[in-house]
Amino acid sequence: MHLKAGDRVSFLFESGNGVVVDVIDNKTLLVLDNHGFEKKYDEKQLVPFVSGEYTFAPGQIERKIESSKPNTRYRGKQKNPVWSIDLHIEELIADHRRMMNSEILALQMEHFKNFLKKAKAKRIQKIVAIHGVGEGVLRTEIRHYLNQFEFEYHDADYSQYGFGGTEVLLRFS
């Protein structure tokens, strides 16, 4: 398997997924995980990510393929990279069936705040929060949070995210 920068991956020995940011050597990859943190992985610890349900059988993984937008994205080593995070609860945790709506919203906001903090620390100038359309509760909560700290934001590119994303511009002095 030859993974390259920009490939979306899942972890074999832990939950979650991420995007390959850099190939350090033939076997070691730097991955930006779905929580916004970078970590080194041996290539044998990763598999290409395919959205859908996973059922594990001895010696193989069967995948039901669905279309999906990237959870966390890093566009190479550009001058102005854009990071995005998919805040749909299915992308954040494996099983949320027993969670109350308030717990789901709190978890989504925690992920968003951590992602925003990481982007600011890395001096990323633009991020996209994919919140979906739904009833607009998460979108409203994200924008309320951004208003408290006077962040500049607007709807994300419709052709890429429909009405389900908010683009945030981060300014640095």
C-alpha atoms as a PDB file:
ATOM      1  CA  MET A   1       0.000   0.000   0.000  1.00  0.00           C
ATOM      2  CA  HIS A   2       1.375   3.414  -0.911  1.00  0.00           C
ATOM      3  CA  LEU A   3      -0.374   6.220   0.909  1.00  0.00           C
ATOM      4  CA  LYS A   4       0.396   9.820   0.023  1.00  0.00           C
ATOM      5  CA  ALA A   5      -0.319  13.280   1.415  1.00  0.00           C
ATOM      6  CA  GLY A   6      -4.027  14.063   1.167  1.00  0.00           C
ATOM      7  CA  ASP A   7      -5.196  10.427   1.448  1.00  0.00           C
ATOM      8  CA  ARG A   8      -7.932   9.857   4.024  1.00  0.00           C
ATOM      9  CA  VAL A   9      -7.201   6.926   6.343  1.00  0.00           C
ATOM     10  CA  SER A  10      -8.679   4.929   9.220  1.00  0.00           C
ATOM     11  CA  PHE A  11      -6.645   3.562  12.099  1.00  0.00           C
ATOM     12  CA  LEU A  12      -6.384  -0.200  12.572  1.00  0.00           C
ATOM     13  CA  PHE A  13      -5.732  -0.158  16.310  1.00  0.00           C
ATOM     14  CA  GLU A  14      -7.772   2.821  17.478  1.00  0.00           C
ATOM     15  CA  SER A  15     -11.046   4.494  16.598  1.00  0.00           C
ATOM     16  CA  GLY A  16     -11.293   7.442  14.254  1.00  0.00           C
ATOM     17  CA  ASN A  17      -9.786   8.528  10.978  1.00  0.00           C
ATOM     18  CA  GLY A  18      -7.644  11.270   9.535  1.00  0.00           C
ATOM     19  CA  VAL A  19      -5.753  12.635   6.579  1.00  0.00           C
ATOM     20  CA  VAL A  20      -2.128  11.975   5.676  1.00  0.00           C
ATOM     21  CA  VAL A  21      -0.333  15.306   5.993  1.00  0.00           C
ATOM     22  CA  ASP A  22       3.190  14.179   5.136  1.00  0.00           C
ATOM     23  CA  VAL A  23       5.161  11.072   4.230  1.00  0.00           C
ATOM     24  CA  ILE A  24       8.179  11.179   6.542  1.00  0.00           C
ATOM     25  CA  ASP A  25       9.848   8.093   5.069  1.00  0.00           C
ATOM     26  CA  ASN A  26       8.640   5.016   3.203  1.00  0.00           C
ATOM     27  CA  LYS A  27       6.986   3.573   6.321  1.00  0.00           C
ATOM     28  CA  THR A  28       6.196   6.540   8.603  1.00  0.00           C
ATOM     29  CA  LEU A  29       3.351   8.958   7.910  1.00  0.00           C
ATOM     30  CA  LEU A  30       2.223  12.113   9.663  1.00  0.00           C
ATOM     31  CA  VAL A  31      -1.585  12.030  10.047  1.00  0.00           C
ATOM     32  CA  LEU A  32      -3.953  14.831  11.055  1.00  0.00           C
ATOM     33  CA  ASP A  33      -6.711  13.011  12.962  1.00  0.00           C
ATOM     34  CA  ASN A  34     -10.397  13.880  13.136  1.00  0.00           C
ATOM     35  CA  HIS A  35      -9.762  15.754  16.406  1.00  0.00           C
ATOM     36  CA  GLY A  36      -7.273  18.103  14.746  1.00  0.00           C
ATOM     37  CA  PHE A  37      -4.086  16.570  16.162  1.00  0.00           C
ATOM     38  CA  GLU A  38      -1.051  15.390  14.211  1.00  0.00           C
ATOM     39  CA  LYS A  39       0.552  12.034  15.042  1.00  0.00           C
ATOM     40  CA  LYS A  40       3.100   9.740  13.406  1.00  0.00           C
ATOM     41  CA  TYR A  41       1.929   6.286  12.305  1.00  0.00           C
ATOM     42  CA  ASP A  42       3.591   3.302  10.724  1.00  0.00           C
ATOM     43  CA  GLU A  43       1.928   2.673   7.356  1.00  0.00           C
ATOM     44  CA  LYS A  44       0.904  -0.798   8.589  1.00  0.00           C
ATOM     45  CA  GLN A  45      -1.298   0.848  11.249  1.00  0.00           C
ATOM     46  CA  LEU A  46      -3.439   2.584   8.595  1.00  0.00           C
ATOM     47  CA  VAL A  47      -5.963   1.591   5.958  1.00  0.00           C
ATOM     48  CA  PRO A  48      -7.570   3.757   3.275  1.00  0.00           C
ATOM     49  CA  PHE A  49     -10.783   5.289   4.642  1.00  0.00           C
ATOM     50  CA  VAL A  50     -14.080   4.387   3.035  1.00  0.00           C
ATOM     51  CA  SER A  51     -17.208   5.822   4.618  1.00  0.00           C
ATOM     52  CA  GLY A  52     -19.850   3.338   5.605  1.00  0.00           C
ATOM     53  CA  GLU A  53     -20.488   0.537   8.011  1.00  0.00           C
ATOM     54  CA  TYR A  54     -17.640  -1.786   8.900  1.00  0.00           C
ATOM     55  CA  THR A  55     -18.136  -5.421   9.780  1.00  0.00           C
ATOM     56  CA  PHE A  56     -15.080  -7.355  10.854  1.00  0.00           C
ATOM     57  CA  ALA A  57     -14.606 -10.968   9.823  1.00  0.00           C
ATOM     58  CA  PRO A  58     -11.545 -13.144  10.470  1.00  0.00           C
ATOM     59  CA  GLY A  59      -8.820 -11.896   8.166  1.00  0.00           C
ATOM     60  CA  GLN A  60     -10.813  -9.250   6.285  1.00  0.00           C
ATOM     61  CA  ILE A  61     -12.877  -6.094   6.528  1.00  0.00           C
ATOM     62  CA  GLU A  62     -16.023  -5.807   4.476  1.00  0.00           C
ATOM     63  CA  ARG A  63     -17.030  -2.286   3.582  1.00  0.00           C
ATOM     64  CA  LYS A  64     -20.406  -0.921   2.548  1.00  0.00           C
ATOM     65  CA  ILE A  65     -19.403   2.087   0.497  1.00  0.00           C
ATOM     66  CA  GLU A  66     -21.251   5.400   0.839  1.00  0.00           C
ATOM     67  CA  SER A  67     -20.374   8.818  -0.476  1.00  0.00           C
ATOM     68  CA  SER A  68     -18.957  11.127   2.138  1.00  0.00           C
ATOM     69  CA  LYS A  69     -17.179  14.445   2.494  1.00  0.00           C
ATOM     70  CA  PRO A  70     -13.794  14.424   4.182  1.00  0.00           C
ATOM     71  CA  ASN A  71     -13.851  14.629   7.964  1.00  0.00           C
ATOM     72  CA  THR A  72     -10.651  16.472   8.326  1.00  0.00           C
ATOM     73  CA  ARG A  73      -8.826  17.798   5.325  1.00  0.00           C
ATOM     74  CA  TYR A  74      -5.402  19.293   4.788  1.00  0.00           C
ATOM     75  CA  ARG A  75      -4.604  20.577   1.330  1.00  0.00           C
ATOM     76  CA  GLY A  76      -0.915  19.731   1.001  1.00  0.00           C
ATOM     77  CA  LYS A  77       1.710  22.228   2.084  1.00  0.00           C
ATOM     78  CA  GLN A  78       0.089  25.254   0.551  1.00  0.00           C
ATOM     79  CA  LYS A  79       0.719  28.795   1.614  1.00  0.00           C
ATOM     80  CA  ASN A  80      -2.885  29.076   2.886  1.00  0.00           C
ATOM     81  CA  PRO A  81      -4.227  25.611   3.717  1.00  0.00           C
ATOM     82  CA  VAL A  82      -7.905  25.131   4.517  1.00  0.00           C
ATOM     83  CA  TRP A  83      -8.858  22.712   7.259  1.00  0.00           C
ATOM     84  CA  SER A  84     -12.341  21.293   7.593  1.00  0.00           C
ATOM     85  CA  ILE A  85     -14.048  19.146  10.183  1.00  0.00           C
ATOM     86  CA  ASP A  86     -17.208  17.100   9.724  1.00  0.00           C
ATOM     87  CA  LEU A  87     -19.246  17.489  12.902  1.00  0.00           C
ATOM     88  CA  HIS A  88     -21.925  14.931  12.037  1.00  0.00           C
ATOM     89  CA  ILE A  89     -22.110  12.753  15.135  1.00  0.00           C
ATOM     90  CA  GLU A  90     -21.628   9.572  13.060  1.00  0.00           C
ATOM     91  CA  GLU A  91     -18.195  10.895  12.071  1.00  0.00           C
ATOM     92  CA  LEU A  92     -17.168  11.659  15.649  1.00  0.00           C
ATOM     93  CA  ILE A  93     -18.124   8.490  17.543  1.00  0.00           C
ATOM     94  CA  ALA A  94     -19.105   4.975  16.588  1.00  0.00           C
ATOM     95  CA  ASP A  95     -22.308   4.611  18.615  1.00  0.00           C
ATOM     96  CA  HIS A  96     -24.443   7.530  19.704  1.00  0.00           C
ATOM     97  CA  ARG A  97     -27.829   5.802  19.982  1.00  0.00           C
ATOM     98  CA  ARG A  98     -28.064   6.166  23.761  1.00  0.00           C
ATOM     99  CA  MET A  99     -26.991   9.788  23.845  1.00  0.00           C
ATOM    100  CA  MET A 100     -29.455  12.586  24.457  1.00  0.00           C
ATOM    101  CA  ASN A 101     -29.590  15.441  21.947  1.00  0.00           C
ATOM    102  CA  SER A 102     -27.978  17.820  24.460  1.00  0.00           C
ATOM    103  CA  GLU A 103     -25.070  15.387  24.942  1.00  0.00           C
ATOM    104  CA  ILE A 104     -24.604  15.069  21.184  1.00  0.00           C
ATOM    105  CA  LEU A 105     -24.573  18.852  20.760  1.00  0.00           C
ATOM    106  CA  ALA A 106     -22.093  19.261  23.629  1.00  0.00           C
ATOM    107  CA  LEU A 107     -19.758  16.667  22.082  1.00  0.00           C
ATOM    108  CA  GLN A 108     -19.993  18.284  18.646  1.00  0.00           C
ATOM    109  CA  MET A 109     -19.206  21.703  20.116  1.00  0.00           C
ATOM    110  CA  GLU A 110     -16.276  20.280  22.088  1.00  0.00           C
ATOM    111  CA  HIS A 111     -14.837  18.874  18.846  1.00  0.00           C
ATOM    112  CA  PHE A 112     -15.406  22.192  17.071  1.00  0.00           C
ATOM    113  CA  LYS A 113     -13.740  24.231  19.835  1.00  0.00           C
ATOM    114  CA  ASN A 114     -10.725  21.877  19.949  1.00  0.00           C
ATOM    115  CA  PHE A 115     -10.443  22.012  16.165  1.00  0.00           C
ATOM    116  CA  LEU A 116     -10.635  25.817  16.162  1.00  0.00           C
ATOM    117  CA  LYS A 117      -7.989  25.987  18.898  1.00  0.00           C
ATOM    118  CA  LYS A 118      -5.656  23.687  16.935  1.00  0.00           C
ATOM    119  CA  ALA A 119      -6.181  25.716  13.729  1.00  0.00           C
ATOM    120  CA  LYS A 120      -5.370  28.951  15.561  1.00  0.00           C
ATOM    121  CA  ALA A 121      -2.224  27.393  17.058  1.00  0.00           C
ATOM    122  CA  LYS A 122      -1.115  26.342  13.550  1.00  0.00           C
ATOM    123  CA  ARG A 123      -2.053  29.811  12.221  1.00  0.00           C
ATOM    124  CA  ILE A 124      -4.503  28.370   9.687  1.00  0.00           C
ATOM    125  CA  GLN A 125      -6.340  31.288   8.113  1.00  0.00           C
ATOM    126  CA  LYS A 126      -9.514  29.513   7.018  1.00  0.00           C
ATOM    127  CA  ILE A 127     -11.468  26.553   8.379  1.00  0.00           C
ATOM    128  CA  VAL A 128     -14.776  24.981   7.426  1.00  0.00           C
ATOM    129  CA  ALA A 129     -17.129  23.402   9.955  1.00  0.00           C
ATOM    130  CA  ILE A 130     -19.430  20.883   8.276  1.00  0.00           C
ATOM    131  CA  HIS A 131     -22.558  20.843  10.419  1.00  0.00           C
ATOM    132  CA  GLY A 132     -25.181  19.708   7.947  1.00  0.00           C
ATOM    133  CA  VAL A 133     -28.569  21.264   7.350  1.00  0.00           C
ATOM    134  CA  GLY A 134     -30.935  19.452   9.718  1.00  0.00           C
ATOM    135  CA  GLU A 135     -32.882  21.739  12.052  1.00  0.00           C
ATOM    136  CA  GLY A 136     -29.961  24.170  12.298  1.00  0.00           C
ATOM    137  CA  VAL A 137     -29.285  23.679  16.008  1.00  0.00           C
ATOM    138  CA  LEU A 138     -25.566  22.907  15.592  1.00  0.00           C
ATOM    139  CA  ARG A 139     -25.147  25.683  13.004  1.00  0.00           C
ATOM    140  CA  THR A 140     -26.775  28.175  15.380  1.00  0.00           C
ATOM    141  CA  GLU A 141     -24.633  27.038  18.314  1.00  0.00           C
ATOM    142  CA  ILE A 142     -21.410  27.296  16.264  1.00  0.00           C
ATOM    143  CA  ARG A 143     -22.275  30.789  15.068  1.00  0.00           C
ATOM    144  CA  HIS A 144     -23.283  31.891  18.568  1.00  0.00           C
ATOM    145  CA  TYR A 145     -19.883  30.724  19.831  1.00  0.00           C
ATOM    146  CA  LEU A 146     -18.071  32.529  16.982  1.00  0.00           C
ATOM    147  CA  ASN A 147     -20.007  35.753  17.692  1.00  0.00           C
ATOM    148  CA  GLN A 148     -18.811  35.737  21.312  1.00  0.00           C
ATOM    149  CA  PHE A 149     -15.203  36.038  20.113  1.00  0.00           C
ATOM    150  CA  GLU A 150     -15.936  38.230  17.076  1.00  0.00           C
ATOM    151  CA  PHE A 151     -14.803  35.719  14.470  1.00  0.00           C
ATOM    152  CA  GLU A 152     -15.611  36.513  10.854  1.00  0.00           C
ATOM    153  CA  TYR A 153     -17.664  33.739   9.226  1.00  0.00           C
ATOM    154  CA  HIS A 154     -20.115  33.037   6.428  1.00  0.00           C
ATOM    155  CA  ASP A 155     -21.771  30.111   4.665  1.00  0.00           C
ATOM    156  CA  ALA A 156     -19.200  27.752   3.159  1.00  0.00           C
ATOM    157  CA  ASP A 157     -18.963  27.215  -0.599  1.00  0.00           C
ATOM    158  CA  TYR A 158     -22.385  25.922  -1.676  1.00  0.00           C
ATOM    159  CA  SER A 159     -20.951  23.785  -4.509  1.00  0.00           C
ATOM    160  CA  GLN A 160     -18.853  21.867  -1.989  1.00  0.00           C
ATOM    161  CA  TYR A 161     -20.964  21.850   1.188  1.00  0.00           C
ATOM    162  CA  GLY A 162     -24.488  22.802   0.147  1.00  0.00           C
ATOM    163  CA  PHE A 163     -26.144  24.711   2.981  1.00  0.00           C
ATOM    164  CA  GLY A 164     -24.382  22.530   5.561  1.00  0.00           C
ATOM    165  CA  GLY A 165     -21.103  24.327   6.214  1.00  0.00           C
ATOM    166  CA  THR A 166     -19.759  27.459   7.862  1.00  0.00           C
ATOM    167  CA  GLU A 167     -16.452  28.972   6.755  1.00  0.00           C
ATOM    168  CA  VAL A 168     -14.496  30.772   9.470  1.00  0.00           C
ATOM    169  CA  LEU A 169     -11.717  33.274   8.736  1.00  0.00           C
ATOM    170  CA  LEU A 170      -9.002  33.465  11.364  1.00  0.00           C
ATOM    171  CA  ARG A 171      -7.059  36.716  11.632  1.00  0.00           C
ATOM    172  CA  PHE A 172      -3.639  37.046  13.219  1.00  0.00           C
ATOM    173  CA  SER A 173      -1.855  40.242  14.230  1.00  0.00           C
END
